C-alpha atoms as a PDB file:
ATOM      1  CA  UNK A   1       0.000   0.000   0.000  1.00  0.00           C
ATOM      2  CA  UNK A   2       1.681   3.257  -1.127  1.00  0.00           C
ATOM      3  CA  UNK A   3       1.536   6.461   0.867  1.00  0.00           C
ATOM      4  CA  UNK A   4      -0.036   9.514  -0.603  1.00  0.00           C
ATOM      5  CA  UNK A   5       2.064  12.614  -1.258  1.00  0.00           C
ATOM      6  CA  UNK A   6       1.222  14.467   1.994  1.00  0.00           C
ATOM      7  CA  UNK A   7       2.103  11.401   4.102  1.00  0.00           C
ATOM      8  CA  UNK A   8       5.452  10.909   2.367  1.00  0.00           C
ATOM      9  CA  UNK A   9       6.375  14.551   2.872  1.00  0.00           C
ATOM     10  CA  UNK A  10       5.568  14.249   6.574  1.00  0.00           C
ATOM     11  CA  UNK A  11       7.941  11.276   6.944  1.00  0.00           C
ATOM     12  CA  UNK A  12      10.722  13.177   5.165  1.00  0.00           C
ATOM     13  CA  UNK A  13      10.298  16.076   7.585  1.00  0.00           C
ATOM     14  CA  UNK A  14      10.558  13.716  10.550  1.00  0.00           C
ATOM     15  CA  UNK A  15      13.777  12.137   9.199  1.00  0.00           C
ATOM     16  CA  UNK A  16      15.283  15.574   8.568  1.00  0.00           C
ATOM     17  CA  UNK A  17      14.433  16.720  12.091  1.00  0.00           C
ATOM     18  CA  UNK A  18      16.016  13.573  13.523  1.00  0.00           C
ATOM     19  CA  UNK A  19      19.183  14.168  11.491  1.00  0.00           C
ATOM     20  CA  UNK A  20      19.374  17.784  12.680  1.00  0.00           C
ATOM     21  CA  UNK A  21      18.924  16.693  16.277  1.00  0.00           C
ATOM     22  CA  UNK A  22      21.693  14.107  15.902  1.00  0.00           C
ATOM     23  CA  UNK A  23      24.081  16.703  14.448  1.00  0.00           C
ATOM     24  CA  UNK A  24      23.309  19.146  17.252  1.00  0.00           C
ATOM     25  CA  UNK A  25      23.976  16.425  19.824  1.00  0.00           C
ATOM     26  CA  UNK A  26      27.346  15.578  18.262  1.00  0.00           C
ATOM     27  CA  UNK A  27      28.244  19.278  18.077  1.00  0.00           C
ATOM     28  CA  UNK A  28      27.472  19.692  21.777  1.00  0.00           C
ATOM     29  CA  UNK A  29      29.687  16.696  22.592  1.00  0.00           C
ATOM     30  CA  UNK A  30      32.559  18.135  20.545  1.00  0.00           C
ATOM     31  CA  UNK A  31      32.264  21.501  22.316  1.00  0.00           C
ATOM     32  CA  UNK A  32      32.322  19.767  25.680  1.00  0.00           C
ATOM     33  CA  UNK A  33      35.517  17.903  24.724  1.00  0.00           C
ATOM     34  CA  UNK A  34      37.156  21.138  23.580  1.00  0.00           C
ATOM     35  CA  UNK A  35      36.433  22.810  26.912  1.00  0.00           C
ATOM     36  CA  UNK A  36      38.163  19.942  28.712  1.00  0.00           C
ATOM     37  CA  UNK A  37      41.428  20.450  26.780  1.00  0.00           C
ATOM     38  CA  UNK A  38      44.302  22.406  28.476  1.00  0.00           C
ATOM     39  CA  UNK A  39      44.145  26.127  27.772  1.00  0.00           C
ATOM     40  CA  UNK A  40      47.750  26.303  26.453  1.00  0.00           C
ATOM     41  CA  UNK A  41      46.822  24.044  23.534  1.00  0.00           C
ATOM     42  CA  UNK A  42      45.204  27.013  21.841  1.00  0.00           C
ATOM     43  CA  UNK A  43      47.346  30.098  22.503  1.00  0.00           C
ATOM     44  CA  UNK A  44      45.748  33.370  21.508  1.00  0.00           C
ATOM     45  CA  UNK A  45      46.935  34.774  18.215  1.00  0.00           C
ATOM     46  CA  UNK A  46      48.295  38.306  18.150  1.00  0.00           C
ATOM     47  CA  UNK A  47      46.109  40.611  16.125  1.00  0.00           C
ATOM     48  CA  UNK A  48      48.764  42.743  14.432  1.00  0.00           C
ATOM     49  CA  UNK A  49      52.373  41.575  14.968  1.00  0.00           C
ATOM     50  CA  UNK A  50      53.809  44.619  13.179  1.00  0.00           C
ATOM     51  CA  UNK A  51      51.237  47.217  14.099  1.00  0.00           C
ATOM     52  CA  UNK A  52      53.740  49.797  15.377  1.00  0.00           C
ATOM     53  CA  UNK A  53      55.370  51.894  12.681  1.00  0.00           C
ATOM     54  CA  UNK A  54      57.929  53.153  15.169  1.00  0.00           C
ATOM     55  CA  UNK A  55      59.025  49.547  15.676  1.00  0.00           C
ATOM     56  CA  UNK A  56      59.343  48.590  12.021  1.00  0.00           C
ATOM     57  CA  UNK A  57      61.273  51.652  10.796  1.00  0.00           C
ATOM     58  CA  UNK A  58      64.484  50.969  12.802  1.00  0.00           C
ATOM     59  CA  UNK A  59      64.277  47.233  12.111  1.00  0.00           C
ATOM     60  CA  UNK A  60      63.854  47.889   8.402  1.00  0.00           C
ATOM     61  CA  UNK A  61      66.906  50.151   8.213  1.00  0.00           C
ATOM     62  CA  UNK A  62      68.857  47.753  10.423  1.00  0.00           C
ATOM     63  CA  UNK A  63      68.475  45.133   7.697  1.00  0.00           C
ATOM     64  CA  UNK A  64      69.329  47.619   4.941  1.00  0.00           C
ATOM     65  CA  UNK A  65      72.496  48.883   6.609  1.00  0.00           C
ATOM     66  CA  UNK A  66      73.677  45.356   7.413  1.00  0.00           C
ATOM     67  CA  UNK A  67      73.076  44.137   3.859  1.00  0.00           C
ATOM     68  CA  UNK A  68      76.199  43.066   1.986  1.00  0.00           C
ATOM     69  CA  UNK A  69      74.667  44.551  -1.165  1.00  0.00           C
ATOM     70  CA  UNK A  70      74.803  48.084   0.287  1.00  0.00           C
ATOM     71  CA  UNK A  71      76.869  49.893  -2.387  1.00  0.00           C
ATOM     72  CA  UNK A  72      79.713  51.131  -0.204  1.00  0.00           C
ATOM     73  CA  UNK A  73      82.377  49.654  -2.445  1.00  0.00           C
ATOM     74  CA  UNK A  74      83.651  47.405   0.348  1.00  0.00           C
ATOM     75  CA  UNK A  75      84.202  44.589  -2.156  1.00  0.00           C
ATOM     76  CA  UNK A  76      87.087  46.583  -3.646  1.00  0.00           C
ATOM     77  CA  UNK A  77      89.060  46.617  -0.388  1.00  0.00           C
ATOM     78  CA  UNK A  78      90.728  43.720   1.400  1.00  0.00           C
ATOM     79  CA  UNK A  79      91.590  45.637   4.605  1.00  0.00           C
ATOM     80  CA  UNK A  80      95.172  44.452   4.340  1.00  0.00           C
ATOM     81  CA  UNK A  81      94.361  40.772   3.771  1.00  0.00           C
ATOM     82  CA  UNK A  82      95.863  40.567   0.286  1.00  0.00           C
ATOM     83  CA  UNK A  83      99.077  42.210   1.457  1.00  0.00           C
ATOM     84  CA  UNK A  84      99.135  39.942   4.510  1.00  0.00           C
ATOM     85  CA  UNK A  85      98.925  36.859   2.301  1.00  0.00           C
ATOM     86  CA  UNK A  86     101.644  38.185   0.001  1.00  0.00           C
ATOM     87  CA  UNK A  87     103.980  38.759   2.945  1.00  0.00           C
ATOM     88  CA  UNK A  88     103.209  35.386   4.547  1.00  0.00           C
ATOM     89  CA  UNK A  89     104.156  33.108   1.653  1.00  0.00           C
ATOM     90  CA  UNK A  90     106.119  30.819   3.938  1.00  0.00           C
ATOM     91  CA  UNK A  91     102.951  30.077   5.886  1.00  0.00           C
ATOM     92  CA  UNK A  92     100.286  27.995   4.200  1.00  0.00           C
ATOM     93  CA  UNK A  93      97.130  29.992   4.890  1.00  0.00           C
ATOM     94  CA  UNK A  94      94.201  27.779   5.780  1.00  0.00           C
ATOM     95  CA  UNK A  95      90.726  28.757   7.027  1.00  0.00           C
ATOM     96  CA  UNK A  96      91.819  27.958  10.569  1.00  0.00           C
ATOM     97  CA  UNK A  97      94.790  30.321  10.329  1.00  0.00           C
ATOM     98  CA  UNK A  98      92.562  33.106   8.993  1.00  0.00           C
ATOM     99  CA  UNK A  99      90.129  32.843  11.903  1.00  0.00           C
ATOM    100  CA  UNK A 100      92.883  32.403  14.476  1.00  0.00           C
ATOM    101  CA  UNK A 101      95.448  34.943  13.256  1.00  0.00           C
ATOM    102  CA  UNK A 102      94.430  37.670  10.834  1.00  0.00           C
ATOM    103  CA  UNK A 103      90.733  38.041  11.677  1.00  0.00           C
ATOM    104  CA  UNK A 104      91.174  38.884  15.402  1.00  0.00           C
ATOM    105  CA  UNK A 105      93.951  41.358  14.591  1.00  0.00           C
ATOM    106  CA  UNK A 106      91.876  43.067  11.916  1.00  0.00           C
ATOM    107  CA  UNK A 107      88.772  43.322  14.113  1.00  0.00           C
ATOM    108  CA  UNK A 108      90.790  44.746  16.998  1.00  0.00           C
ATOM    109  CA  UNK A 109      92.531  47.241  14.736  1.00  0.00           C
ATOM    110  CA  UNK A 110      89.307  48.376  13.088  1.00  0.00           C
ATOM    111  CA  UNK A 111      87.543  48.783  16.421  1.00  0.00           C
ATOM    112  CA  UNK A 112      90.328  50.783  18.049  1.00  0.00           C
ATOM    113  CA  UNK A 113      90.668  53.193  15.121  1.00  0.00           C
ATOM    114  CA  UNK A 114      87.043  53.758  14.062  1.00  0.00           C
ATOM    115  CA  UNK A 115      84.473  52.514  16.590  1.00  0.00           C
ATOM    116  CA  UNK A 116      84.875  55.449  19.041  1.00  0.00           C
ATOM    117  CA  UNK A 117      83.991  57.799  16.179  1.00  0.00           C
ATOM    118  CA  UNK A 118      80.888  55.778  15.310  1.00  0.00           C
ATOM    119  CA  UNK A 119      79.681  55.895  18.902  1.00  0.00           C
ATOM    120  CA  UNK A 120      80.449  59.603  19.300  1.00  0.00           C
ATOM    121  CA  UNK A 121      78.603  60.529  16.092  1.00  0.00           C
ATOM    122  CA  UNK A 122      75.603  58.457  17.146  1.00  0.00           C
ATOM    123  CA  UNK A 123      75.489  60.214  20.516  1.00  0.00           C
ATOM    124  CA  UNK A 124      75.690  63.654  18.884  1.00  0.00           C
ATOM    125  CA  UNK A 125      74.890  63.743  15.132  1.00  0.00           C
ATOM    126  CA  UNK A 126      74.852  67.561  14.888  1.00  0.00           C
ATOM    127  CA  UNK A 127      76.873  69.291  12.166  1.00  0.00           C
ATOM    128  CA  UNK A 128      79.586  70.786  14.435  1.00  0.00           C
ATOM    129  CA  UNK A 129      80.124  67.412  16.104  1.00  0.00           C
ATOM    130  CA  UNK A 130      80.081  65.507  12.808  1.00  0.00           C
ATOM    131  CA  UNK A 131      82.562  67.860  11.145  1.00  0.00           C
ATOM    132  CA  UNK A 132      84.854  67.814  14.186  1.00  0.00           C
ATOM    133  CA  UNK A 133      84.804  64.014  14.389  1.00  0.00           C
ATOM    134  CA  UNK A 134      85.548  63.762  10.678  1.00  0.00           C
ATOM    135  CA  UNK A 135      88.492  66.139  11.083  1.00  0.00           C
ATOM    136  CA  UNK A 136      89.936  64.269  14.077  1.00  0.00           C
ATOM    137  CA  UNK A 137      89.638  60.912  12.315  1.00  0.00           C
ATOM    138  CA  UNK A 138      91.240  62.329   9.177  1.00  0.00           C
ATOM    139  CA  UNK A 139      94.205  63.509  11.234  1.00  0.00           C
ATOM    140  CA  UNK A 140      94.537  60.277  13.212  1.00  0.00           C
ATOM    141  CA  UNK A 141      94.806  57.910  10.235  1.00  0.00           C
ATOM    142  CA  UNK A 142      98.495  57.418   9.529  1.00  0.00           C
ATOM    143  CA  UNK A 143      98.235  55.023   6.590  1.00  0.00           C
ATOM    144  CA  UNK A 144      97.398  56.812   3.330  1.00  0.00           C
ATOM    145  CA  UNK A 145      95.896  53.690   1.791  1.00  0.00           C
ATOM    146  CA  UNK A 146      93.595  53.166   4.764  1.00  0.00           C
ATOM    147  CA  UNK A 147      92.588  56.815   4.718  1.00  0.00           C
ATOM    148  CA  UNK A 148      91.688  56.615   1.032  1.00  0.00           C
ATOM    149  CA  UNK A 149      89.515  53.551   1.628  1.00  0.00           C
ATOM    150  CA  UNK A 150      87.727  55.198   4.565  1.00  0.00           C
ATOM    151  CA  UNK A 151      86.976  58.342   2.560  1.00  0.00           C
ATOM    152  CA  UNK A 152      85.777  56.397  -0.479  1.00  0.00           C
ATOM    153  CA  UNK A 153      83.334  54.338   1.582  1.00  0.00           C
ATOM    154  CA  UNK A 154      82.204  57.351   3.602  1.00  0.00           C
ATOM    155  CA  UNK A 155      81.360  59.336   0.496  1.00  0.00           C
ATOM    156  CA  UNK A 156      79.554  56.334  -0.938  1.00  0.00           C
ATOM    157  CA  UNK A 157      77.449  56.096   2.237  1.00  0.00           C
ATOM    158  CA  UNK A 158      76.670  59.812   2.083  1.00  0.00           C
ATOM    159  CA  UNK A 159      75.518  59.379  -1.520  1.00  0.00           C
ATOM    160  CA  UNK A 160      73.281  56.484  -0.458  1.00  0.00           C
ATOM    161  CA  UNK A 161      71.734  58.695   2.211  1.00  0.00           C
ATOM    162  CA  UNK A 162      71.102  61.557  -0.206  1.00  0.00           C
ATOM    163  CA  UNK A 163      69.799  59.497  -3.112  1.00  0.00           C
ATOM    164  CA  UNK A 164      67.958  56.706  -1.307  1.00  0.00           C
ATOM    165  CA  UNK A 165      67.376  57.051   2.425  1.00  0.00           C
ATOM    166  CA  UNK A 166      66.701  60.747   3.036  1.00  0.00           C
ATOM    167  CA  UNK A 167      63.311  60.960   1.325  1.00  0.00           C
ATOM    168  CA  UNK A 168      62.180  57.576   2.644  1.00  0.00           C
ATOM    169  CA  UNK A 169      63.001  58.464   6.248  1.00  0.00           C
ATOM    170  CA  UNK A 170      61.218  61.803   5.933  1.00  0.00           C
ATOM    171  CA  UNK A 171      58.125  60.138   4.448  1.00  0.00           C
ATOM    172  CA  UNK A 172      58.099  57.476   7.168  1.00  0.00           C
ATOM    173  CA  UNK A 173      58.370  60.157   9.841  1.00  0.00           C
ATOM    174  CA  UNK A 174      55.409  62.039   8.393  1.00  0.00           C
ATOM    175  CA  UNK A 175      53.383  58.830   8.189  1.00  0.00           C
ATOM    176  CA  UNK A 176      54.071  57.945  11.834  1.00  0.00           C
ATOM    177  CA  UNK A 177      53.327  61.391  13.170  1.00  0.00           C
ATOM    178  CA  UNK A 178      56.994  62.227  13.728  1.00  0.00           C
ATOM    179  CA  UNK A 179      57.635  59.483  16.289  1.00  0.00           C
ATOM    180  CA  UNK A 180      60.457  56.977  16.406  1.00  0.00           C
ATOM    181  CA  UNK A 181      63.462  56.947  14.135  1.00  0.00           C
ATOM    182  CA  UNK A 182      62.070  59.237  11.477  1.00  0.00           C
ATOM    183  CA  UNK A 183      63.166  62.681  10.505  1.00  0.00           C
ATOM    184  CA  UNK A 184      61.014  64.373  13.121  1.00  0.00           C
ATOM    185  CA  UNK A 185      61.390  61.862  15.902  1.00  0.00           C
ATOM    186  CA  UNK A 186      65.017  61.694  16.934  1.00  0.00           C
ATOM    187  CA  UNK A 187      66.163  58.476  18.518  1.00  0.00           C
ATOM    188  CA  UNK A 188      62.703  57.110  19.236  1.00  0.00           C
ATOM    189  CA  UNK A 189      62.545  53.447  18.404  1.00  0.00           C
ATOM    190  CA  UNK A 190      66.181  52.773  19.161  1.00  0.00           C
ATOM    191  CA  UNK A 191      68.018  52.188  22.392  1.00  0.00           C
ATOM    192  CA  UNK A 192      69.308  55.730  22.744  1.00  0.00           C
ATOM    193  CA  UNK A 193      70.220  57.690  25.797  1.00  0.00           C
ATOM    194  CA  UNK A 194      66.766  59.250  26.072  1.00  0.00           C
ATOM    195  CA  UNK A 195      67.912  62.621  24.753  1.00  0.00           C
ATOM    196  CA  UNK A 196      65.776  64.733  22.456  1.00  0.00           C
ATOM    197  CA  UNK A 197      68.132  64.949  19.547  1.00  0.00           C
ATOM    198  CA  UNK A 198      65.659  66.131  16.937  1.00  0.00           C
ATOM    199  CA  UNK A 199      65.726  63.869  13.889  1.00  0.00           C
ATOM    200  CA  UNK A 200      65.032  66.849  11.643  1.00  0.00           C
ATOM    201  CA  UNK A 201      68.166  68.563  12.974  1.00  0.00           C
ATOM    202  CA  UNK A 202      70.265  65.457  12.326  1.00  0.00           C
ATOM    203  CA  UNK A 203      68.949  65.192   8.776  1.00  0.00           C
ATOM    204  CA  UNK A 204      69.680  68.855   8.181  1.00  0.00           C
ATOM    205  CA  UNK A 205      73.171  68.332   9.591  1.00  0.00           C
ATOM    206  CA  UNK A 206      73.818  65.625   7.010  1.00  0.00           C
ATOM    207  CA  UNK A 207      72.578  67.900   4.224  1.00  0.00           C
ATOM    208  CA  UNK A 208      74.869  70.706   5.372  1.00  0.00           C
ATOM    209  CA  UNK A 209      77.744  68.240   5.703  1.00  0.00           C
ATOM    210  CA  UNK A 210      77.151  67.117   2.123  1.00  0.00           C
ATOM    211  CA  UNK A 211      77.083  70.745   0.990  1.00  0.00           C
ATOM    212  CA  UNK A 212      80.445  71.330   2.680  1.00  0.00           C
ATOM    213  CA  UNK A 213      81.866  68.298   0.902  1.00  0.00           C
ATOM    214  CA  UNK A 214      80.628  69.475  -2.500  1.00  0.00           C
ATOM    215  CA  UNK A 215      82.028  72.932  -1.835  1.00  0.00           C
ATOM    216  CA  UNK A 216      85.409  71.426  -0.974  1.00  0.00           C
ATOM    217  CA  UNK A 217      85.555  69.234  -4.062  1.00  0.00           C
ATOM    218  CA  UNK A 218      84.400  71.927  -6.484  1.00  0.00           C
ATOM    219  CA  UNK A 219      86.912  74.416  -5.055  1.00  0.00           C
ATOM    220  CA  UNK A 220      89.829  72.119  -5.875  1.00  0.00           C
ATOM    221  CA  UNK A 221      92.046  73.181  -8.793  1.00  0.00           C
ATOM    222  CA  UNK A 222      91.367  71.250 -11.967  1.00  0.00           C
ATOM    223  CA  UNK A 223      94.961  70.048 -12.161  1.00  0.00           C
ATOM    224  CA  UNK A 224      94.792  68.616  -8.653  1.00  0.00           C
ATOM    225  CA  UNK A 225      91.488  66.944  -9.444  1.00  0.00           C
ATOM    226  CA  UNK A 226      92.760  65.344 -12.617  1.00  0.00           C
ATOM    227  CA  UNK A 227      95.944  64.042 -11.001  1.00  0.00           C
ATOM    228  CA  UNK A 228      94.067  62.620  -8.014  1.00  0.00           C
ATOM    229  CA  UNK A 229      91.487  61.006 -10.265  1.00  0.00           C
ATOM    230  CA  UNK A 230      94.225  59.457 -12.362  1.00  0.00           C
ATOM    231  CA  UNK A 231      95.692  57.859  -9.250  1.00  0.00           C
ATOM    232  CA  UNK A 232      92.243  56.675  -8.135  1.00  0.00           C
ATOM    233  CA  UNK A 233      92.319  58.890  -5.033  1.00  0.00           C
ATOM    234  CA  UNK A 234      89.334  60.860  -3.720  1.00  0.00           C
ATOM    235  CA  UNK A 235      89.573  64.568  -4.414  1.00  0.00           C
ATOM    236  CA  UNK A 236      89.905  66.443  -1.130  1.00  0.00           C
ATOM    237  CA  UNK A 237      89.645  69.924  -2.520  1.00  0.00           C
ATOM    238  CA  UNK A 238      90.462  72.993  -0.520  1.00  0.00           C
ATOM    239  CA  UNK A 239      92.940  74.322  -3.060  1.00  0.00           C
ATOM    240  CA  UNK A 240      96.555  75.210  -2.329  1.00  0.00           C
ATOM    241  CA  UNK A 241      97.561  74.788   1.287  1.00  0.00           C
ATOM    242  CA  UNK A 242      94.005  75.091   2.585  1.00  0.00           C
ATOM    243  CA  UNK A 243      92.708  71.798   3.990  1.00  0.00           C
ATOM    244  CA  UNK A 244      89.240  70.661   2.879  1.00  0.00           C
ATOM    245  CA  UNK A 245      86.303  71.543   5.094  1.00  0.00           C
ATOM    246  CA  UNK A 246      85.357  67.860   5.465  1.00  0.00           C
ATOM    247  CA  UNK A 247      86.757  64.568   4.178  1.00  0.00           C
ATOM    248  CA  UNK A 248      83.658  62.389   4.742  1.00  0.00           C
ATOM    249  CA  UNK A 249      85.101  59.367   6.512  1.00  0.00           C
ATOM    250  CA  UNK A 250      82.897  56.313   6.932  1.00  0.00           C
ATOM    251  CA  UNK A 251      82.804  55.951  10.729  1.00  0.00           C
ATOM    252  CA  UNK A 252      81.232  59.288  11.790  1.00  0.00           C
ATOM    253  CA  UNK A 253      78.745  59.261   8.919  1.00  0.00           C
ATOM    254  CA  UNK A 254      77.681  55.710   9.729  1.00  0.00           C
ATOM    255  CA  UNK A 255      77.017  56.619  13.351  1.00  0.00           C
ATOM    256  CA  UNK A 256      75.035  59.735  12.439  1.00  0.00           C
ATOM    257  CA  UNK A 257      72.874  57.966   9.858  1.00  0.00           C
ATOM    258  CA  UNK A 258      72.140  55.072  12.207  1.00  0.00           C
ATOM    259  CA  UNK A 259      71.052  57.530  14.899  1.00  0.00           C
ATOM    260  CA  UNK A 260      68.788  59.281  12.419  1.00  0.00           C
ATOM    261  CA  UNK A 261      66.995  56.120  11.260  1.00  0.00           C
ATOM    262  CA  UNK A 262      66.389  55.020  14.849  1.00  0.00           C
ATOM    263  CA  UNK A 263      69.021  52.349  15.477  1.00  0.00           C
ATOM    264  CA  UNK A 264      70.211  52.010  19.044  1.00  0.00           C
ATOM    265  CA  UNK A 265      73.799  52.598  20.063  1.00  0.00           C
ATOM    266  CA  UNK A 266      74.588  48.904  20.585  1.00  0.00           C
ATOM    267  CA  UNK A 267      72.860  47.965  17.320  1.00  0.00           C
ATOM    268  CA  UNK A 268      74.875  50.591  15.458  1.00  0.00           C
ATOM    269  CA  UNK A 269      78.177  49.395  16.881  1.00  0.00           C
ATOM    270  CA  UNK A 270      77.399  45.742  16.146  1.00  0.00           C
ATOM    271  CA  UNK A 271      76.245  46.375  12.565  1.00  0.00           C
ATOM    272  CA  UNK A 272      79.326  48.502  11.898  1.00  0.00           C
ATOM    273  CA  UNK A 273      81.727  45.844  13.137  1.00  0.00           C
ATOM    274  CA  UNK A 274      79.828  43.007  11.478  1.00  0.00           C
ATOM    275  CA  UNK A 275      80.004  44.869   8.164  1.00  0.00           C
ATOM    276  CA  UNK A 276      83.791  44.924   8.434  1.00  0.00           C
ATOM    277  CA  UNK A 277      83.916  41.200   9.209  1.00  0.00           C
ATOM    278  CA  UNK A 278      81.619  40.380   6.284  1.00  0.00           C
ATOM    279  CA  UNK A 279      83.769  42.411   3.895  1.00  0.00           C
ATOM    280  CA  UNK A 280      86.903  40.729   5.232  1.00  0.00           C
ATOM    281  CA  UNK A 281      85.466  37.220   4.848  1.00  0.00           C
ATOM    282  CA  UNK A 282      84.262  38.074   1.343  1.00  0.00           C
ATOM    283  CA  UNK A 283      87.783  39.198   0.457  1.00  0.00           C
ATOM    284  CA  UNK A 284      89.151  35.908   1.796  1.00  0.00           C
ATOM    285  CA  UNK A 285      86.779  33.979  -0.472  1.00  0.00           C
ATOM    286  CA  UNK A 286      87.852  35.952  -3.544  1.00  0.00           C
ATOM    287  CA  UNK A 287      91.494  35.525  -2.550  1.00  0.00           C
ATOM    288  CA  UNK A 288      90.984  31.754  -2.640  1.00  0.00           C
ATOM    289  CA  UNK A 289      91.509  31.045   1.056  1.00  0.00           C
ATOM    290  CA  UNK A 290      88.228  29.120   1.378  1.00  0.00           C
ATOM    291  CA  UNK A 291      84.804  28.761  -0.198  1.00  0.00           C
ATOM    292  CA  UNK A 292      81.415  30.357   0.462  1.00  0.00           C
ATOM    293  CA  UNK A 293      80.230  27.660   2.872  1.00  0.00           C
ATOM    294  CA  UNK A 294      83.290  28.060   5.065  1.00  0.00           C
ATOM    295  CA  UNK A 295      82.729  31.814   4.872  1.00  0.00           C
ATOM    296  CA  UNK A 296      79.215  31.485   6.264  1.00  0.00           C
ATOM    297  CA  UNK A 297      80.477  29.093   8.922  1.00  0.00           C
ATOM    298  CA  UNK A 298      83.028  31.694   9.976  1.00  0.00           C
ATOM    299  CA  UNK A 299      80.428  34.475  10.111  1.00  0.00           C
ATOM    300  CA  UNK A 300      78.014  32.338  12.131  1.00  0.00           C
ATOM    301  CA  UNK A 301      80.644  31.132  14.576  1.00  0.00           C
ATOM    302  CA  UNK A 302      80.603  32.062  18.211  1.00  0.00           C
ATOM    303  CA  UNK A 303      84.187  33.246  17.820  1.00  0.00           C
ATOM    304  CA  UNK A 304      83.161  36.120  15.563  1.00  0.00           C
ATOM    305  CA  UNK A 305      80.225  37.016  17.794  1.00  0.00           C
ATOM    306  CA  UNK A 306      82.455  37.008  20.843  1.00  0.00           C
ATOM    307  CA  UNK A 307      85.126  39.122  19.145  1.00  0.00           C
ATOM    308  CA  UNK A 308      82.624  41.769  18.049  1.00  0.00           C
ATOM    309  CA  UNK A 309      80.982  41.918  21.464  1.00  0.00           C
ATOM    310  CA  UNK A 310      84.342  42.164  23.221  1.00  0.00           C
ATOM    311  CA  UNK A 311      85.498  44.991  20.950  1.00  0.00           C
ATOM    312  CA  UNK A 312      82.293  46.956  21.527  1.00  0.00           C
ATOM    313  CA  UNK A 313      82.669  46.592  25.281  1.00  0.00           C
ATOM    314  CA  UNK A 314      86.321  47.629  25.077  1.00  0.00           C
ATOM    315  CA  UNK A 315      85.665  50.781  23.059  1.00  0.00           C
ATOM    316  CA  UNK A 316      82.309  51.738  24.616  1.00  0.00           C
ATOM    317  CA  UNK A 317      83.771  54.536  26.762  1.00  0.00           C
ATOM    318  CA  UNK A 318      86.835  55.306  24.635  1.00  0.00           C
ATOM    319  CA  UNK A 319      87.077  58.984  23.741  1.00  0.00           C
ATOM    320  CA  UNK A 320      87.976  59.913  20.179  1.00  0.00           C
ATOM    321  CA  UNK A 321      91.120  61.622  21.492  1.00  0.00           C
ATOM    322  CA  UNK A 322      92.261  58.227  22.768  1.00  0.00           C
ATOM    323  CA  UNK A 323      91.363  56.266  19.629  1.00  0.00           C
ATOM    324  CA  UNK A 324      94.275  54.941  17.622  1.00  0.00           C
ATOM    325  CA  UNK A 325      95.951  51.979  16.005  1.00  0.00           C
ATOM    326  CA  UNK A 326      96.601  49.159  18.483  1.00  0.00           C
ATOM    327  CA  UNK A 327      97.938  46.746  15.840  1.00  0.00           C
ATOM    328  CA  UNK A 328     100.791  48.690  14.166  1.00  0.00           C
ATOM    329  CA  UNK A 329     101.644  45.877  11.783  1.00  0.00           C
ATOM    330  CA  UNK A 330      98.184  46.277  10.239  1.00  0.00           C
ATOM    331  CA  UNK A 331      99.182  49.710   8.907  1.00  0.00           C
ATOM    332  CA  UNK A 332     102.291  48.111   7.388  1.00  0.00           C
ATOM    333  CA  UNK A 333     100.265  45.437   5.612  1.00  0.00           C
ATOM    334  CA  UNK A 334      97.710  47.940   4.354  1.00  0.00           C
ATOM    335  CA  UNK A 335     100.337  50.479   3.339  1.00  0.00           C
ATOM    336  CA  UNK A 336     102.459  47.976   1.405  1.00  0.00           C
ATOM    337  CA  UNK A 337      99.499  46.846  -0.658  1.00  0.00           C
ATOM    338  CA  UNK A 338     100.348  49.362  -3.375  1.00  0.00           C
ATOM    339  CA  UNK A 339     103.841  47.929  -3.876  1.00  0.00           C
ATOM    340  CA  UNK A 340     102.591  44.402  -4.610  1.00  0.00           C
ATOM    341  CA  UNK A 341     103.558  43.139  -8.042  1.00  0.00           C
ATOM    342  CA  UNK A 342     100.000  42.011  -8.768  1.00  0.00           C
ATOM    343  CA  UNK A 343      96.802  42.540  -6.818  1.00  0.00           C
ATOM    344  CA  UNK A 344      93.060  41.999  -7.173  1.00  0.00           C
ATOM    345  CA  UNK A 345      91.896  44.636  -4.668  1.00  0.00           C
ATOM    346  CA  UNK A 346      92.190  48.420  -4.661  1.00  0.00           C
ATOM    347  CA  UNK A 347      93.616  48.381  -1.153  1.00  0.00           C
END
């Protein structure tokens, strides 16, 4: 006996209601089980991990300034390594000898001669301080080859600031309401001393410093410029017996720019020293001492980390008047680079 249409529809409704009731019962059981689980099994998710602009600006520039691709021209300099290898022919240079002998000497030498200037410029990036630090460093460098390398990299960094970073930092400062490491926010997001430095004043100091440099170079006699260019030396300008207004060494400019973009003092010192180590290891690879994997192993080693940290602690309170070469033989290696019969680096 077949059911009529209304009766069949009624049975379908009953089955559907039963199915819904069964699903609701199973859902209630699942919810009860979830409530019995430990609370740490479902940690709350952060809503916006990078919500603070004042946090991301310094971190962003930290990565940019520590990038090996930053066009400072460091790849052209071996920091005395090529000359060291040429004068150590009797010693078979292996990766172990590089990390145990030359690398610690180079790091110590670089820290004692330049790191106090980086720290001083970061603490006070004003134009009078920056120009004075540049002048003191220019007078304290004995080795002409080392001085030329420092000036070349410093002017390259100043060009990077003018052409790439200046507008971006100003725009970021306007977007964040002038807080943090932008042009209107001073130290902000870094680890600074809590002083109101005025990021806009630091940026203006760099612009005035660049103007002084251009004035010095354009005032140089054409004959002096052509002869210096032919030798591959930076043109100092000034004309005659007059010294140039500024030389634009790397260390003070690096400290001032790091302060302006919001990097802390310890971050600035570590990035500066790590950049030297990375350039040195890269030079060792191109000199054939070891390959790229050994290079990364050296950079990642606790030895390098410990050396950098120790040098920062050693030079933390060193005044620029007390800065100087503590590895005299390093100046000999760097200075004799130009007399090598053949070489692959500028210095």
